[in-house]
Amino acid sequence: IIDDDADGKNDPKNFQTKGFKDIITVLKMPIIWLIAVVILTAYAAYWGTLRFTSYSSDIFSMSVTMAAAISVGKMWMNPPASLIAGFISDKIGIAKSIAILFIALIASFTVFAFMPGLPALLPFMIINVAFASLAIFAIRAIYFALLEEGGVPMAITGTAAGFVSMIGFTPDIFMPLLGGMLLDAIPGPAGYRLFFLSVVGICVIGLIATLMICRIIARKNVWD
């Protein structure tokens, strides 16, 4: 099935050389680093949504069953959020859509940080859970499309995706530790306030990185 390697194209040394050159090319592209920051901050915000279950039971005194129902229910936001995000981003652009979604997340997590656990506010809290979940799933549905919109050459897209994933998914390492340490050291509303405000700060960094990507894309379009 495999053609004879008469011209030496399939020599493993050639692949190693090309792979190393692709990595160097990727590392030299500022937009790759910005996309990595966007994915990192968006994924950190996703980790923030995983605290909604304990937040519901600890702050609003909901039963474990009801808090778990909220946790499961928020996952149902994934399909419609992804579909809507794809449709809207086709109209206004990937980077602009992500910037708007980061603003929505900043507002939502700020509300979580300062919302008192009053029974009368329970419906509003559930609506805010749905709102934050829609925003985070929408970002996750489209953030890899920044590679194409940012003009990353198709030939190095795989290398670029691997690199931004390596950086972008590091919240798996530090977000559980951050939440655990804060809530262990400062139990109750104050601990959740600090945790959600930390997520807000991370989202602000993501928004800044996204706006910088918008600027790069705008310059590219002018030159094109």
Foldseek 3Di string as FASTA:
>chain_A
DDDDCPPVPPPVVNVVVVVVVLLVVLVVDPLLVLLLLLLQLLVLLVLVLVCQLVLCCQFQVDDNVVSVVLVVVLVVLQVVLLVVLVVVCVVVNLLVSLLVLLVQLLVLLQCSLPPHNDPVCVVVVSVSSNSNSSSSSSNVNCSLVLCVLLPPDPVSSVVSVVVSCVSSPCCVPPSVVQLVVLCVVPPGSNSSNVSSVVSSVSSVSSSVSSVVSVVSSVVVVVVD
